[in-house]
Amino acid sequence: YGPGRGELAILAANLVSNDLEKKDIFLV
């Protein structure tokens, strides 16, 4: 796939993680 796939996955996960943290949920 070339570079960037891992960065895309982490960006998406960080957005979800930040949303969940506001709701007192930890994304493991």
PDB file of all heavy atoms in Angstrom:
ATOM      1  N   TYR A   1       0.794  -1.226   0.000  1.00  0.00           N
ATOM      2  CA  TYR A   1       0.000   0.000   0.000  1.00  0.00           C
ATOM      3  C   TYR A   1       0.827   1.278   0.000  1.00  0.00           C
ATOM      4  O   TYR A   1       0.289   2.372  -0.178  1.00  0.00           O
ATOM      5  CB  TYR A   1      -0.922   0.014   1.227  1.00  0.00           C
ATOM      6  CG  TYR A   1      -2.128  -0.873   1.081  1.00  0.00           C
ATOM      7  CD1 TYR A   1      -2.095  -2.208   1.453  1.00  0.00           C
ATOM      8  CD2 TYR A   1      -3.319  -0.381   0.551  1.00  0.00           C
ATOM      9  CE1 TYR A   1      -3.205  -3.031   1.320  1.00  0.00           C
ATOM     10  CE2 TYR A   1      -4.431  -1.196   0.403  1.00  0.00           C
ATOM     11  CZ  TYR A   1      -4.362  -2.513   0.794  1.00  0.00           C
ATOM     12  OH  TYR A   1      -5.463  -3.329   0.642  1.00  0.00           O
ATOM     13  N   GLY A   2       2.131   1.160   0.244  1.00  0.00           N
ATOM     14  CA  GLY A   2       2.938   2.353   0.391  1.00  0.00           C
ATOM     15  C   GLY A   2       2.766   2.929   1.791  1.00  0.00           C
ATOM     16  O   GLY A   2       1.999   2.406   2.601  1.00  0.00           O
ATOM     17  N   PRO A   3       3.447   4.024   2.093  1.00  0.00           N
ATOM     18  CA  PRO A   3       3.374   4.599   3.437  1.00  0.00           C
ATOM     19  C   PRO A   3       2.028   5.276   3.692  1.00  0.00           C
ATOM     20  O   PRO A   3       1.302   5.624   2.754  1.00  0.00           O
ATOM     21  CB  PRO A   3       4.514   5.619   3.436  1.00  0.00           C
ATOM     22  CG  PRO A   3       4.666   6.004   1.993  1.00  0.00           C
ATOM     23  CD  PRO A   3       4.360   4.760   1.212  1.00  0.00           C
ATOM     24  N   GLY A   4       1.700   5.449   4.961  1.00  0.00           N
ATOM     25  CA  GLY A   4       0.515   6.231   5.324  1.00  0.00           C
ATOM     26  C   GLY A   4      -0.649   5.446   5.863  1.00  0.00           C
ATOM     27  O   GLY A   4      -1.554   6.018   6.476  1.00  0.00           O
ATOM     28  N   ARG A   5      -0.653   4.133   5.648  1.00  0.00           N
ATOM     29  CA  ARG A   5      -1.797   3.341   6.104  1.00  0.00           C
ATOM     30  C   ARG A   5      -1.885   3.318   7.632  1.00  0.00           C
ATOM     31  O   ARG A   5      -2.959   3.485   8.206  1.00  0.00           O
ATOM     32  CB  ARG A   5      -1.709   1.918   5.553  1.00  0.00           C
ATOM     33  CG  ARG A   5      -2.927   1.062   5.880  1.00  0.00           C
ATOM     34  CD  ARG A   5      -2.889  -0.242   5.114  1.00  0.00           C
ATOM     35  NE  ARG A   5      -3.914  -1.155   5.574  1.00  0.00           N
ATOM     36  CZ  ARG A   5      -4.739  -1.809   4.776  1.00  0.00           C
ATOM     37  NH1 ARG A   5      -4.681  -1.635   3.475  1.00  0.00           N
ATOM     38  NH2 ARG A   5      -5.646  -2.645   5.262  1.00  0.00           N
ATOM     39  N   GLY A   6      -0.761   3.100   8.280  1.00  0.00           N
ATOM     40  CA  GLY A   6      -0.745   3.100   9.740  1.00  0.00           C
ATOM     41  C   GLY A   6      -1.140   4.449  10.305  1.00  0.00           C
ATOM     42  O   GLY A   6      -1.889   4.533  11.289  1.00  0.00           O
ATOM     43  N   GLU A   7      -0.658   5.522   9.686  1.00  0.00           N
ATOM     44  CA  GLU A   7      -0.999   6.876  10.146  1.00  0.00           C
ATOM     45  C   GLU A   7      -2.498   7.140  10.023  1.00  0.00           C
ATOM     46  O   GLU A   7      -3.108   7.779  10.898  1.00  0.00           O
ATOM     47  CB  GLU A   7      -0.211   7.916   9.341  1.00  0.00           C
ATOM     48  CG  GLU A   7       1.262   7.991   9.672  1.00  0.00           C
ATOM     49  CD  GLU A   7       2.092   6.949   8.937  1.00  0.00           C
ATOM     50  OE1 GLU A   7       1.504   6.046   8.283  1.00  0.00           O
ATOM     51  OE2 GLU A   7       3.332   7.009   9.028  1.00  0.00           O
ATOM     52  N   LEU A   8      -3.102   6.652   8.920  1.00  0.00           N
ATOM     53  CA  LEU A   8      -4.547   6.824   8.728  1.00  0.00           C
ATOM     54  C   LEU A   8      -5.323   6.090   9.823  1.00  0.00           C
ATOM     55  O   LEU A   8      -6.278   6.637  10.394  1.00  0.00           O
ATOM     56  CB  LEU A   8      -4.957   6.306   7.347  1.00  0.00           C
ATOM     57  CG  LEU A   8      -6.459   6.302   7.050  1.00  0.00           C
ATOM     58  CD1 LEU A   8      -7.041   7.701   7.133  1.00  0.00           C
ATOM     59  CD2 LEU A   8      -6.742   5.682   5.683  1.00  0.00           C
ATOM     60  N   ALA A   9      -4.916   4.848  10.115  1.00  0.00           N
ATOM     61  CA  ALA A   9      -5.597   4.064  11.149  1.00  0.00           C
ATOM     62  C   ALA A   9      -5.475   4.746  12.513  1.00  0.00           C
ATOM     63  O   ALA A   9      -6.454   4.818  13.274  1.00  0.00           O
ATOM     64  CB  ALA A   9      -5.017   2.654  11.203  1.00  0.00           C
ATOM     65  N   ILE A  10      -4.292   5.267  12.824  1.00  0.00           N
ATOM     66  CA  ILE A  10      -4.091   5.931  14.118  1.00  0.00           C
ATOM     67  C   ILE A  10      -4.892   7.230  14.198  1.00  0.00           C
ATOM     68  O   ILE A  10      -5.479   7.548  15.243  1.00  0.00           O
ATOM     69  CB  ILE A  10      -2.590   6.187  14.356  1.00  0.00           C
ATOM     70  CG1 ILE A  10      -1.879   4.854  14.630  1.00  0.00           C
ATOM     71  CG2 ILE A  10      -2.372   7.153  15.521  1.00  0.00           C
ATOM     72  CD1 ILE A  10      -0.373   4.956  14.759  1.00  0.00           C
ATOM     73  N   LEU A  11      -4.962   7.983  13.106  1.00  0.00           N
ATOM     74  CA  LEU A  11      -5.759   9.211  13.091  1.00  0.00           C
ATOM     75  C   LEU A  11      -7.224   8.902  13.373  1.00  0.00           C
ATOM     76  O   LEU A  11      -7.874   9.565  14.206  1.00  0.00           O
ATOM     77  CB  LEU A  11      -5.626   9.917  11.742  1.00  0.00           C
ATOM     78  CG  LEU A  11      -6.544  11.131  11.513  1.00  0.00           C
ATOM     79  CD1 LEU A  11      -6.299  12.207  12.556  1.00  0.00           C
ATOM     80  CD2 LEU A  11      -6.353  11.695  10.100  1.00  0.00           C
ATOM     81  N   ALA A  12      -7.769   7.884  12.689  1.00  0.00           N
ATOM     82  CA  ALA A  12      -9.170   7.499  12.907  1.00  0.00           C
ATOM     83  C   ALA A  12      -9.390   7.045  14.343  1.00  0.00           C
ATOM     84  O   ALA A  12     -10.375   7.421  14.990  1.00  0.00           O
ATOM     85  CB  ALA A  12      -9.560   6.391  11.930  1.00  0.00           C
ATOM     86  N   ALA A  13      -8.462   6.244  14.862  1.00  0.00           N
ATOM     87  CA  ALA A  13      -8.578   5.746  16.230  1.00  0.00           C
ATOM     88  C   ALA A  13      -8.502   6.884  17.246  1.00  0.00           C
ATOM     89  O   ALA A  13      -9.250   6.895  18.241  1.00  0.00           O
ATOM     90  CB  ALA A  13      -7.487   4.718  16.514  1.00  0.00           C
ATOM     91  N   ASN A  14      -7.625   7.861  17.004  1.00  0.00           N
ATOM     92  CA  ASN A  14      -7.500   8.982  17.929  1.00  0.00           C
ATOM     93  C   ASN A  14      -8.778   9.813  18.003  1.00  0.00           C
ATOM     94  O   ASN A  14      -9.174  10.289  19.073  1.00  0.00           O
ATOM     95  CB  ASN A  14      -6.327   9.880  17.528  1.00  0.00           C
ATOM     96  CG  ASN A  14      -4.979   9.300  17.921  1.00  0.00           C
ATOM     97  OD1 ASN A  14      -4.901   8.403  18.760  1.00  0.00           O
ATOM     98  ND2 ASN A  14      -3.914   9.800  17.320  1.00  0.00           N
ATOM     99  N   LEU A  15      -9.435   9.990  16.857  1.00  0.00           N
ATOM    100  CA  LEU A  15     -10.702  10.726  16.848  1.00  0.00           C
ATOM    101  C   LEU A  15     -11.746   9.995  17.691  1.00  0.00           C
ATOM    102  O   LEU A  15     -12.470  10.615  18.485  1.00  0.00           O
ATOM    103  CB  LEU A  15     -11.197  10.895  15.409  1.00  0.00           C
ATOM    104  CG  LEU A  15     -10.369  11.835  14.515  1.00  0.00           C
ATOM    105  CD1 LEU A  15     -10.838  11.734  13.064  1.00  0.00           C
ATOM    106  CD2 LEU A  15     -10.478  13.267  15.015  1.00  0.00           C
ATOM    107  N   VAL A  16     -11.820   8.677  17.525  1.00  0.00           N
ATOM    108  CA  VAL A  16     -12.759   7.873  18.310  1.00  0.00           C
ATOM    109  C   VAL A  16     -12.385   7.898  19.789  1.00  0.00           C
ATOM    110  O   VAL A  16     -13.233   8.080  20.666  1.00  0.00           O
ATOM    111  CB  VAL A  16     -12.788   6.413  17.798  1.00  0.00           C
ATOM    112  CG1 VAL A  16     -13.624   5.533  18.719  1.00  0.00           C
ATOM    113  CG2 VAL A  16     -13.330   6.359  16.376  1.00  0.00           C
ATOM    114  N   SER A  17     -11.095   7.727  20.076  1.00  0.00           N
ATOM    115  CA  SER A  17     -10.621   7.709  21.459  1.00  0.00           C
ATOM    116  C   SER A  17     -10.946   9.016  22.174  1.00  0.00           C
ATOM    117  O   SER A  17     -11.398   9.011  23.334  1.00  0.00           O
ATOM    118  CB  SER A  17      -9.110   7.455  21.488  1.00  0.00           C
ATOM    119  OG  SER A  17      -8.610   7.489  22.803  1.00  0.00           O
ATOM    120  N   ASN A  18     -10.731  10.142  21.507  1.00  0.00           N
ATOM    121  CA  ASN A  18     -11.019  11.444  22.109  1.00  0.00           C
ATOM    122  C   ASN A  18     -12.511  11.608  22.396  1.00  0.00           C
ATOM    123  O   ASN A  18     -12.900  12.165  23.427  1.00  0.00           O
ATOM    124  CB  ASN A  18     -10.540  12.571  21.188  1.00  0.00           C
ATOM    125  CG  ASN A  18      -9.028  12.620  21.075  1.00  0.00           C
ATOM    126  OD1 ASN A  18      -8.322  12.100  21.933  1.00  0.00           O
ATOM    127  ND2 ASN A  18      -8.521  13.216  20.007  1.00  0.00           N
ATOM    128  N   ASP A  19     -13.343  11.113  21.480  1.00  0.00           N
ATOM    129  CA  ASP A  19     -14.790  11.182  21.682  1.00  0.00           C
ATOM    130  C   ASP A  19     -15.213  10.333  22.877  1.00  0.00           C
ATOM    131  O   ASP A  19     -16.016  10.763  23.707  1.00  0.00           O
ATOM    132  CB  ASP A  19     -15.518  10.725  20.417  1.00  0.00           C
ATOM    133  CG  ASP A  19     -17.030  10.722  20.575  1.00  0.00           C
ATOM    134  OD1 ASP A  19     -17.616  11.802  20.754  1.00  0.00           O
ATOM    135  OD2 ASP A  19     -17.622   9.625  20.533  1.00  0.00           O
ATOM    136  N   LEU A  20     -14.654   9.127  22.979  1.00  0.00           N
ATOM    137  CA  LEU A  20     -15.015   8.218  24.065  1.00  0.00           C
ATOM    138  C   LEU A  20     -14.519   8.720  25.418  1.00  0.00           C
ATOM    139  O   LEU A  20     -15.190   8.535  26.440  1.00  0.00           O
ATOM    140  CB  LEU A  20     -14.446   6.826  23.787  1.00  0.00           C
ATOM    141  CG  LEU A  20     -15.080   6.068  22.625  1.00  0.00           C
ATOM    142  CD1 LEU A  20     -14.307   4.788  22.342  1.00  0.00           C
ATOM    143  CD2 LEU A  20     -16.541   5.737  22.921  1.00  0.00           C
ATOM    144  N   GLU A  21     -13.359   9.363  25.423  1.00  0.00           N
ATOM    145  CA  GLU A  21     -12.806   9.855  26.693  1.00  0.00           C
ATOM    146  C   GLU A  21     -13.733  10.885  27.335  1.00  0.00           C
ATOM    147  O   GLU A  21     -13.853  10.947  28.562  1.00  0.00           O
ATOM    148  CB  GLU A  21     -11.420  10.472  26.446  1.00  0.00           C
ATOM    149  CG  GLU A  21     -10.655  10.733  27.726  1.00  0.00           C
ATOM    150  CD  GLU A  21      -9.223  11.158  27.475  1.00  0.00           C
ATOM    151  OE1 GLU A  21      -8.660  10.787  26.417  1.00  0.00           O
ATOM    152  OE2 GLU A  21      -8.672  11.864  28.334  1.00  0.00           O
ATOM    153  N   LYS A  22     -14.410  11.677  26.507  1.00  0.00           N
ATOM    154  CA  LYS A  22     -15.379  12.649  27.023  1.00  0.00           C
ATOM    155  C   LYS A  22     -16.549  11.955  27.713  1.00  0.00           C
ATOM    156  O   LYS A  22     -17.255  12.563  28.523  1.00  0.00           O
ATOM    157  CB  LYS A  22     -15.910  13.514  25.885  1.00  0.00           C
ATOM    158  CG  LYS A  22     -14.853  14.349  25.190  1.00  0.00           C
ATOM    159  CD  LYS A  22     -15.431  15.012  23.950  1.00  0.00           C
ATOM    160  CE  LYS A  22     -14.349  15.692  23.118  1.00  0.00           C
ATOM    161  NZ  LYS A  22     -14.883  16.210  21.835  1.00  0.00           N
ATOM    162  N   LYS A  23     -16.762  10.682  27.370  1.00  0.00           N
ATOM    163  CA  LYS A  23     -17.864   9.897  27.924  1.00  0.00           C
ATOM    164  C   LYS A  23     -17.359   8.900  28.967  1.00  0.00           C
ATOM    165  O   LYS A  23     -18.037   7.935  29.291  1.00  0.00           O
ATOM    166  CB  LYS A  23     -18.592   9.187  26.786  1.00  0.00           C
ATOM    167  CG  LYS A  23     -19.214  10.193  25.808  1.00  0.00           C
ATOM    168  CD  LYS A  23     -19.388   9.643  24.406  1.00  0.00           C
ATOM    169  CE  LYS A  23     -19.905  10.739  23.482  1.00  0.00           C
ATOM    170  NZ  LYS A  23     -19.993  10.301  22.079  1.00  0.00           N
ATOM    171  N   ASP A  24     -16.137   9.142  29.458  1.00  0.00           N
ATOM    172  CA  ASP A  24     -15.512   8.315  30.499  1.00  0.00           C
ATOM    173  C   ASP A  24     -15.324   6.862  30.065  1.00  0.00           C
ATOM    174  O   ASP A  24     -15.503   5.932  30.854  1.00  0.00           O
ATOM    175  CB  ASP A  24     -16.307   8.386  31.813  1.00  0.00           C
ATOM    176  CG  ASP A  24     -16.280   9.780  32.411  1.00  0.00           C
ATOM    177  OD1 ASP A  24     -15.233  10.438  32.333  1.00  0.00           O
ATOM    178  OD2 ASP A  24     -17.315  10.219  32.954  1.00  0.00           O
ATOM    179  N   ILE A  25     -14.976   6.680  28.805  1.00  0.00           N
ATOM    180  CA  ILE A  25     -14.685   5.342  28.270  1.00  0.00           C
ATOM    181  C   ILE A  25     -13.262   5.339  27.723  1.00  0.00           C
ATOM    182  O   ILE A  25     -12.863   6.259  27.002  1.00  0.00           O
ATOM    183  CB  ILE A  25     -15.672   4.954  27.150  1.00  0.00           C
ATOM    184  CG1 ILE A  25     -17.109   4.906  27.684  1.00  0.00           C
ATOM    185  CG2 ILE A  25     -15.293   3.608  26.535  1.00  0.00           C
ATOM    186  CD1 ILE A  25     -18.157   4.692  26.601  1.00  0.00           C
ATOM    187  N   PHE A  26     -12.501   4.310  28.074  1.00  0.00           N
ATOM    188  CA  PHE A  26     -11.135   4.154  27.573  1.00  0.00           C
ATOM    189  C   PHE A  26     -11.148   3.190  26.401  1.00  0.00           C
ATOM    190  O   PHE A  26     -11.640   2.071  26.517  1.00  0.00           O
ATOM    191  CB  PHE A  26     -10.215   3.637  28.681  1.00  0.00           C
ATOM    192  CG  PHE A  26      -8.821   3.312  28.226  1.00  0.00           C
ATOM    193  CD1 PHE A  26      -8.057   4.259  27.554  1.00  0.00           C
ATOM    194  CD2 PHE A  26      -8.258   2.068  28.470  1.00  0.00           C
ATOM    195  CE1 PHE A  26      -6.762   3.966  27.122  1.00  0.00           C
ATOM    196  CE2 PHE A  26      -6.966   1.768  28.053  1.00  0.00           C
ATOM    197  CZ  PHE A  26      -6.217   2.720  27.380  1.00  0.00           C
ATOM    198  N   LEU A  27     -10.608   3.619  25.270  1.00  0.00           N
ATOM    199  CA  LEU A  27     -10.469   2.753  24.092  1.00  0.00           C
ATOM    200  C   LEU A  27      -9.153   1.992  24.227  1.00  0.00           C
ATOM    201  O   LEU A  27      -8.080   2.557  24.045  1.00  0.00           O
ATOM    202  CB  LEU A  27     -10.487   3.585  22.810  1.00  0.00           C
ATOM    203  CG  LEU A  27     -10.351   2.803  21.499  1.00  0.00           C
ATOM    204  CD1 LEU A  27     -11.542   1.866  21.292  1.00  0.00           C
ATOM    205  CD2 LEU A  27     -10.217   3.759  20.312  1.00  0.00           C
ATOM    206  N   VAL A  28      -9.241   0.710  24.537  1.00  0.00           N
ATOM    207  CA  VAL A  28      -8.046  -0.115  24.731  1.00  0.00           C
ATOM    208  C   VAL A  28      -7.389  -0.399  23.380  1.00  0.00           C
ATOM    209  O   VAL A  28      -6.186  -0.238  23.199  1.00  0.00           O
ATOM    210  CB  VAL A  28      -8.405  -1.440  25.435  1.00  0.00           C
ATOM    211  CG1 VAL A  28      -7.173  -2.314  25.616  1.00  0.00           C
ATOM    212  CG2 VAL A  28      -9.058  -1.163  26.780  1.00  0.00           C
TER     213      VAL A  28
END
